[in-house]
Amino acid sequence: MEHNQFEQMLAIRRHLLPHEDDSERSIARALWLHKSHLEHLEIVTANGVNRAFTGNTT
Protein backbone atom coordinates (compact mmCIF):
# COMPACT_ATOMS: atom_id res chain seq x y z
CA MET A 1 0.00 0.00 0.00
CA GLU A 2 2.93 2.36 0.56
CA HIS A 3 3.58 2.53 -3.18
CA ASN A 4 0.00 2.33 -4.43
CA GLN A 5 -1.52 5.82 -4.46
CA PHE A 6 -5.00 4.60 -5.35
CA GLU A 7 -5.11 2.33 -2.28
CA GLN A 8 -3.87 5.23 -0.17
CA MET A 9 -6.68 7.42 -1.50
CA LEU A 10 -9.22 4.70 -0.73
CA ALA A 11 -7.86 4.32 2.79
CA ILE A 12 -8.19 8.07 3.39
CA ARG A 13 -11.74 8.03 1.97
CA ARG A 14 -12.72 5.07 4.14
CA HIS A 15 -11.25 6.72 7.22
CA LEU A 16 -12.79 10.17 6.72
CA LEU A 17 -16.05 9.20 5.00
CA PRO A 18 -16.81 5.64 6.11
CA HIS A 19 -20.42 5.67 4.89
CA GLU A 20 -19.67 6.95 1.40
CA ASP A 21 -19.00 4.84 -1.66
CA ASP A 22 -15.71 4.72 -3.57
CA SER A 23 -16.88 7.13 -6.26
CA GLU A 24 -14.57 9.79 -7.67
CA ARG A 25 -16.63 12.46 -5.91
CA SER A 26 -16.29 10.79 -2.49
CA ILE A 27 -12.57 10.20 -2.95
CA ALA A 28 -12.09 13.82 -4.05
CA ARG A 29 -14.05 15.09 -1.04
CA ALA A 30 -12.01 12.95 1.35
CA LEU A 31 -8.72 14.05 -0.21
CA TRP A 32 -9.79 17.70 0.05
CA LEU A 33 -10.66 17.19 3.73
CA HIS A 34 -7.35 15.43 4.34
CA LYS A 35 -5.35 18.17 2.62
CA SER A 36 -7.25 20.87 4.50
CA HIS A 37 -6.60 19.10 7.81
CA LEU A 38 -2.87 18.83 7.08
CA GLU A 39 -2.72 22.53 6.16
CA HIS A 40 -4.41 23.45 9.44
CA LEU A 41 -1.99 21.23 11.37
CA GLU A 42 0.91 23.00 9.68
CA ILE A 43 -0.47 26.38 10.70
CA VAL A 44 -1.12 25.48 14.33
CA THR A 45 2.30 23.84 14.61
CA ALA A 46 4.00 26.98 13.26
CA ASN A 47 1.97 29.11 15.67
CA GLY A 48 2.94 26.85 18.57
CA VAL A 49 6.63 27.02 17.69
CA ASN A 50 6.37 30.79 17.39
CA ARG A 51 4.75 31.06 20.80
CA ALA A 52 7.35 28.74 22.33
CA PHE A 53 10.24 30.83 21.09
CA THR A 54 8.79 34.31 21.54
CA GLY A 55 6.61 33.83 24.59
CA ASN A 56 3.87 35.71 22.76
CA THR A 57 0.46 34.25 23.65
CA THR A 58 -1.73 36.64 21.66
PDB file of N, CA and C in Angstrom:
ATOM      1  N   MET A   1       0.812  -1.195   0.000  1.00  0.00           N
ATOM      2  CA  MET A   1       0.000   0.000   0.000  1.00  0.00           C
ATOM      3  C   MET A   1       0.862   1.267   0.000  1.00  0.00           C
ATOM      4  N   GLU A   2       2.074   1.179   0.509  1.00  0.00           N
ATOM      5  CA  GLU A   2       2.933   2.356   0.563  1.00  0.00           C
ATOM      6  C   GLU A   2       3.229   2.924  -0.817  1.00  0.00           C
ATOM      7  N   HIS A   3       3.221   2.089  -1.830  1.00  0.00           N
ATOM      8  CA  HIS A   3       3.577   2.534  -3.177  1.00  0.00           C
ATOM      9  C   HIS A   3       2.377   2.604  -4.112  1.00  0.00           C
ATOM     10  N   ASN A   4       1.195   2.314  -3.609  1.00  0.00           N
ATOM     11  CA  ASN A   4       0.001   2.327  -4.430  1.00  0.00           C
ATOM     12  C   ASN A   4      -0.865   3.523  -4.027  1.00  0.00           C
ATOM     13  N   GLN A   5      -0.814   4.599  -4.810  1.00  0.00           N
ATOM     14  CA  GLN A   5      -1.515   5.819  -4.461  1.00  0.00           C
ATOM     15  C   GLN A   5      -3.032   5.646  -4.443  1.00  0.00           C
ATOM     16  N   PHE A   6      -3.561   4.807  -5.326  1.00  0.00           N
ATOM     17  CA  PHE A   6      -5.000   4.599  -5.350  1.00  0.00           C
ATOM     18  C   PHE A   6      -5.473   3.948  -4.046  1.00  0.00           C
ATOM     19  N   GLU A   7      -4.747   2.961  -3.554  1.00  0.00           N
ATOM     20  CA  GLU A   7      -5.109   2.329  -2.281  1.00  0.00           C
ATOM     21  C   GLU A   7      -4.992   3.321  -1.132  1.00  0.00           C
ATOM     22  N   GLN A   8      -4.014   4.201  -1.196  1.00  0.00           N
ATOM     23  CA  GLN A   8      -3.874   5.226  -0.167  1.00  0.00           C
ATOM     24  C   GLN A   8      -5.074   6.162  -0.179  1.00  0.00           C
ATOM     25  N   MET A   9      -5.511   6.554  -1.384  1.00  0.00           N
ATOM     26  CA  MET A   9      -6.682   7.417  -1.498  1.00  0.00           C
ATOM     27  C   MET A   9      -7.925   6.725  -0.950  1.00  0.00           C
ATOM     28  N   LEU A  10      -8.069   5.444  -1.243  1.00  0.00           N
ATOM     29  CA  LEU A  10      -9.224   4.705  -0.730  1.00  0.00           C
ATOM     30  C   LEU A  10      -9.169   4.603   0.795  1.00  0.00           C
ATOM     31  N   ALA A  11      -7.995   4.405   1.342  1.00  0.00           N
ATOM     32  CA  ALA A  11      -7.858   4.321   2.795  1.00  0.00           C
ATOM     33  C   ALA A  11      -8.243   5.647   3.451  1.00  0.00           C
ATOM     34  N   ILE A  12      -7.824   6.748   2.859  1.00  0.00           N
ATOM     35  CA  ILE A  12      -8.188   8.068   3.387  1.00  0.00           C
ATOM     36  C   ILE A  12      -9.694   8.263   3.296  1.00  0.00           C
ATOM     37  N   ARG A  13     -10.289   7.892   2.144  1.00  0.00           N
ATOM     38  CA  ARG A  13     -11.737   8.031   1.974  1.00  0.00           C
ATOM     39  C   ARG A  13     -12.478   7.188   2.999  1.00  0.00           C
ATOM     40  N   ARG A  14     -12.042   5.969   3.199  1.00  0.00           N
ATOM     41  CA  ARG A  14     -12.724   5.072   4.139  1.00  0.00           C
ATOM     42  C   ARG A  14     -12.569   5.541   5.578  1.00  0.00           C
ATOM     43  N   HIS A  15     -11.472   6.201   5.866  1.00  0.00           N
ATOM     44  CA  HIS A  15     -11.247   6.722   7.221  1.00  0.00           C
ATOM     45  C   HIS A  15     -12.101   7.969   7.472  1.00  0.00           C
ATOM     46  N   LEU A  16     -12.099   8.892   6.521  1.00  0.00           N
ATOM     47  CA  LEU A  16     -12.788  10.167   6.717  1.00  0.00           C
ATOM     48  C   LEU A  16     -14.276  10.115   6.393  1.00  0.00           C
ATOM     49  N   LEU A  17     -14.651   9.293   5.429  1.00  0.00           N
ATOM     50  CA  LEU A  17     -16.045   9.201   5.001  1.00  0.00           C
ATOM     51  C   LEU A  17     -16.465   7.730   4.948  1.00  0.00           C
ATOM     52  N   PRO A  18     -16.582   7.089   6.100  1.00  0.00           N
ATOM     53  CA  PRO A  18     -16.813   5.638   6.107  1.00  0.00           C
ATOM     54  C   PRO A  18     -18.132   5.188   5.496  1.00  0.00           C
ATOM     55  N   HIS A  19     -19.112   6.064   5.419  1.00  0.00           N
ATOM     56  CA  HIS A  19     -20.418   5.665   4.894  1.00  0.00           C
ATOM     57  C   HIS A  19     -20.617   6.036   3.432  1.00  0.00           C
ATOM     58  N   GLU A  20     -19.605   6.599   2.818  1.00  0.00           N
ATOM     59  CA  GLU A  20     -19.671   6.953   1.402  1.00  0.00           C
ATOM     60  C   GLU A  20     -19.169   5.799   0.548  1.00  0.00           C
ATOM     61  N   ASP A  21     -19.493   5.859  -0.734  1.00  0.00           N
ATOM     62  CA  ASP A  21     -18.997   4.837  -1.659  1.00  0.00           C
ATOM     63  C   ASP A  21     -17.614   5.250  -2.178  1.00  0.00           C
ATOM     64  N   ASP A  22     -17.043   4.435  -3.027  1.00  0.00           N
ATOM     65  CA  ASP A  22     -15.708   4.717  -3.565  1.00  0.00           C
ATOM     66  C   ASP A  22     -15.781   5.474  -4.896  1.00  0.00           C
ATOM     67  N   SER A  23     -16.748   6.351  -5.036  1.00  0.00           N
ATOM     68  CA  SER A  23     -16.878   7.134  -6.263  1.00  0.00           C
ATOM     69  C   SER A  23     -15.792   8.205  -6.322  1.00  0.00           C
ATOM     70  N   GLU A  24     -15.567   8.727  -7.503  1.00  0.00           N
ATOM     71  CA  GLU A  24     -14.566   9.789  -7.668  1.00  0.00           C
ATOM     72  C   GLU A  24     -14.907  10.990  -6.801  1.00  0.00           C
ATOM     73  N   ARG A  25     -16.184  11.303  -6.705  1.00  0.00           N
ATOM     74  CA  ARG A  25     -16.627  12.456  -5.913  1.00  0.00           C
ATOM     75  C   ARG A  25     -16.307  12.257  -4.427  1.00  0.00           C
ATOM     76  N   SER A  26     -16.574  11.068  -3.905  1.00  0.00           N
ATOM     77  CA  SER A  26     -16.295  10.786  -2.494  1.00  0.00           C
ATOM     78  C   SER A  26     -14.795  10.789  -2.212  1.00  0.00           C
ATOM     79  N   ILE A  27     -14.031  10.212  -3.117  1.00  0.00           N
ATOM     80  CA  ILE A  27     -12.573  10.203  -2.950  1.00  0.00           C
ATOM     81  C   ILE A  27     -12.034  11.627  -2.999  1.00  0.00           C
ATOM     82  N   ALA A  28     -12.532  12.425  -3.939  1.00  0.00           N
ATOM     83  CA  ALA A  28     -12.088  13.819  -4.054  1.00  0.00           C
ATOM     84  C   ALA A  28     -12.437  14.604  -2.795  1.00  0.00           C
ATOM     85  N   ARG A  29     -13.634  14.395  -2.264  1.00  0.00           N
ATOM     86  CA  ARG A  29     -14.052  15.088  -1.043  1.00  0.00           C
ATOM     87  C   ARG A  29     -13.149  14.702   0.127  1.00  0.00           C
ATOM     88  N   ALA A  30     -12.864  13.416   0.260  1.00  0.00           N
ATOM     89  CA  ALA A  30     -12.008  12.947   1.350  1.00  0.00           C
ATOM     90  C   ALA A  30     -10.592  13.496   1.214  1.00  0.00           C
ATOM     91  N   LEU A  31     -10.078  13.521  -0.009  1.00  0.00           N
ATOM     92  CA  LEU A  31      -8.724  14.052  -0.207  1.00  0.00           C
ATOM     93  C   LEU A  31      -8.674  15.544   0.078  1.00  0.00           C
ATOM     94  N   TRP A  32      -9.732  16.275  -0.260  1.00  0.00           N
ATOM     95  CA  TRP A  32      -9.790  17.704   0.053  1.00  0.00           C
ATOM     96  C   TRP A  32      -9.799  17.889   1.578  1.00  0.00           C
ATOM     97  N   LEU A  33     -10.623  17.099   2.275  1.00  0.00           N
ATOM     98  CA  LEU A  33     -10.662  17.189   3.730  1.00  0.00           C
ATOM     99  C   LEU A  33      -9.307  16.870   4.354  1.00  0.00           C
ATOM    100  N   HIS A  34      -8.667  15.836   3.834  1.00  0.00           N
ATOM    101  CA  HIS A  34      -7.354  15.427   4.338  1.00  0.00           C
ATOM    102  C   HIS A  34      -6.321  16.536   4.122  1.00  0.00           C
ATOM    103  N   LYS A  35      -6.299  17.090   2.929  1.00  0.00           N
ATOM    104  CA  LYS A  35      -5.349  18.171   2.624  1.00  0.00           C
ATOM    105  C   LYS A  35      -5.618  19.391   3.497  1.00  0.00           C
ATOM    106  N   SER A  36      -6.887  19.729   3.662  1.00  0.00           N
ATOM    107  CA  SER A  36      -7.250  20.868   4.496  1.00  0.00           C
ATOM    108  C   SER A  36      -6.811  20.637   5.943  1.00  0.00           C
ATOM    109  N   HIS A  37      -7.010  19.440   6.444  1.00  0.00           N
ATOM    110  CA  HIS A  37      -6.604  19.100   7.807  1.00  0.00           C
ATOM    111  C   HIS A  37      -5.089  19.233   7.973  1.00  0.00           C
ATOM    112  N   LEU A  38      -4.335  18.728   7.000  1.00  0.00           N
ATOM    113  CA  LEU A  38      -2.869  18.829   7.075  1.00  0.00           C
ATOM    114  C   LEU A  38      -2.413  20.283   7.036  1.00  0.00           C
ATOM    115  N   GLU A  39      -3.072  21.108   6.225  1.00  0.00           N
ATOM    116  CA  GLU A  39      -2.716  22.530   6.165  1.00  0.00           C
ATOM    117  C   GLU A  39      -2.985  23.203   7.505  1.00  0.00           C
ATOM    118  N   HIS A  40      -4.109  22.874   8.138  1.00  0.00           N
ATOM    119  CA  HIS A  40      -4.411  23.451   9.441  1.00  0.00           C
ATOM    120  C   HIS A  40      -3.405  22.981  10.502  1.00  0.00           C
ATOM    121  N   LEU A  41      -3.016  21.723  10.443  1.00  0.00           N
ATOM    122  CA  LEU A  41      -1.994  21.226  11.369  1.00  0.00           C
ATOM    123  C   LEU A  41      -0.679  21.974  11.196  1.00  0.00           C
ATOM    124  N   GLU A  42      -0.317  22.252   9.955  1.00  0.00           N
ATOM    125  CA  GLU A  42       0.909  23.001   9.680  1.00  0.00           C
ATOM    126  C   GLU A  42       0.840  24.394  10.291  1.00  0.00           C
ATOM    127  N   ILE A  43      -0.300  25.026  10.167  1.00  0.00           N
ATOM    128  CA  ILE A  43      -0.470  26.383  10.696  1.00  0.00           C
ATOM    129  C   ILE A  43      -0.402  26.387  12.221  1.00  0.00           C
ATOM    130  N   VAL A  44      -1.134  25.483  12.863  1.00  0.00           N
ATOM    131  CA  VAL A  44      -1.120  25.483  14.331  1.00  0.00           C
ATOM    132  C   VAL A  44       0.238  25.068  14.886  1.00  0.00           C
ATOM    133  N   THR A  45       0.957  24.215  14.174  1.00  0.00           N
ATOM    134  CA  THR A  45       2.303  23.843  14.609  1.00  0.00           C
ATOM    135  C   THR A  45       3.233  25.042  14.526  1.00  0.00           C
ATOM    136  N   ALA A  46       3.162  25.778  13.417  1.00  0.00           N
ATOM    137  CA  ALA A  46       3.997  26.975  13.261  1.00  0.00           C
ATOM    138  C   ALA A  46       3.656  28.002  14.337  1.00  0.00           C
ATOM    139  N   ASN A  47       2.372  28.166  14.627  1.00  0.00           N
ATOM    140  CA  ASN A  47       1.974  29.105  15.672  1.00  0.00           C
ATOM    141  C   ASN A  47       2.482  28.655  17.037  1.00  0.00           C
ATOM    142  N   GLY A  48       2.436  27.359  17.304  1.00  0.00           N
ATOM    143  CA  GLY A  48       2.939  26.846  18.575  1.00  0.00           C
ATOM    144  C   GLY A  48       4.435  27.049  18.728  1.00  0.00           C
ATOM    145  N   VAL A  49       5.172  26.806  17.665  1.00  0.00           N
ATOM    146  CA  VAL A  49       6.625  27.021  17.686  1.00  0.00           C
ATOM    147  C   VAL A  49       6.919  28.495  17.909  1.00  0.00           C
ATOM    148  N   ASN A  50       6.179  29.350  17.221  1.00  0.00           N
ATOM    149  CA  ASN A  50       6.366  30.794  17.386  1.00  0.00           C
ATOM    150  C   ASN A  50       6.118  31.208  18.829  1.00  0.00           C
ATOM    151  N   ARG A  51       5.058  30.718  19.401  1.00  0.00           N
ATOM    152  CA  ARG A  51       4.749  31.056  20.799  1.00  0.00           C
ATOM    153  C   ARG A  51       5.827  30.513  21.745  1.00  0.00           C
ATOM    154  N   ALA A  52       6.332  29.331  21.461  1.00  0.00           N
ATOM    155  CA  ALA A  52       7.349  28.738  22.331  1.00  0.00           C
ATOM    156  C   ALA A  52       8.635  29.556  22.333  1.00  0.00           C
ATOM    157  N   PHE A  53       8.979  30.097  21.180  1.00  0.00           N
ATOM    158  CA  PHE A  53      10.241  30.832  21.093  1.00  0.00           C
ATOM    159  C   PHE A  53      10.119  32.300  21.431  1.00  0.00           C
ATOM    160  N   THR A  54       8.944  32.876  21.259  1.00  0.00           N
ATOM    161  CA  THR A  54       8.788  34.311  21.535  1.00  0.00           C
ATOM    162  C   THR A  54       8.092  34.585  22.860  1.00  0.00           C
ATOM    163  N   GLY A  55       7.361  33.602  23.355  1.00  0.00           N
ATOM    164  CA  GLY A  55       6.605  33.829  24.590  1.00  0.00           C
ATOM    165  C   GLY A  55       5.349  34.629  24.361  1.00  0.00           C
ATOM    166  N   ASN A  56       5.055  34.930  23.112  1.00  0.00           N
ATOM    167  CA  ASN A  56       3.870  35.709  22.760  1.00  0.00           C
ATOM    168  C   ASN A  56       2.657  34.797  22.754  1.00  0.00           C
ATOM    169  N   THR A  57       1.649  35.095  23.572  1.00  0.00           N
ATOM    170  CA  THR A  57       0.457  34.250  23.649  1.00  0.00           C
ATOM    171  C   THR A  57      -0.754  34.891  23.014  1.00  0.00           C
ATOM    172  N   THR A  58      -0.575  35.989  22.311  1.00  0.00           N
ATOM    173  CA  THR A  58      -1.727  36.640  21.658  1.00  0.00           C
ATOM    174  C   THR A  58      -1.780  36.317  20.205  1.00  0.00           C
TER     175      THR A  58
END
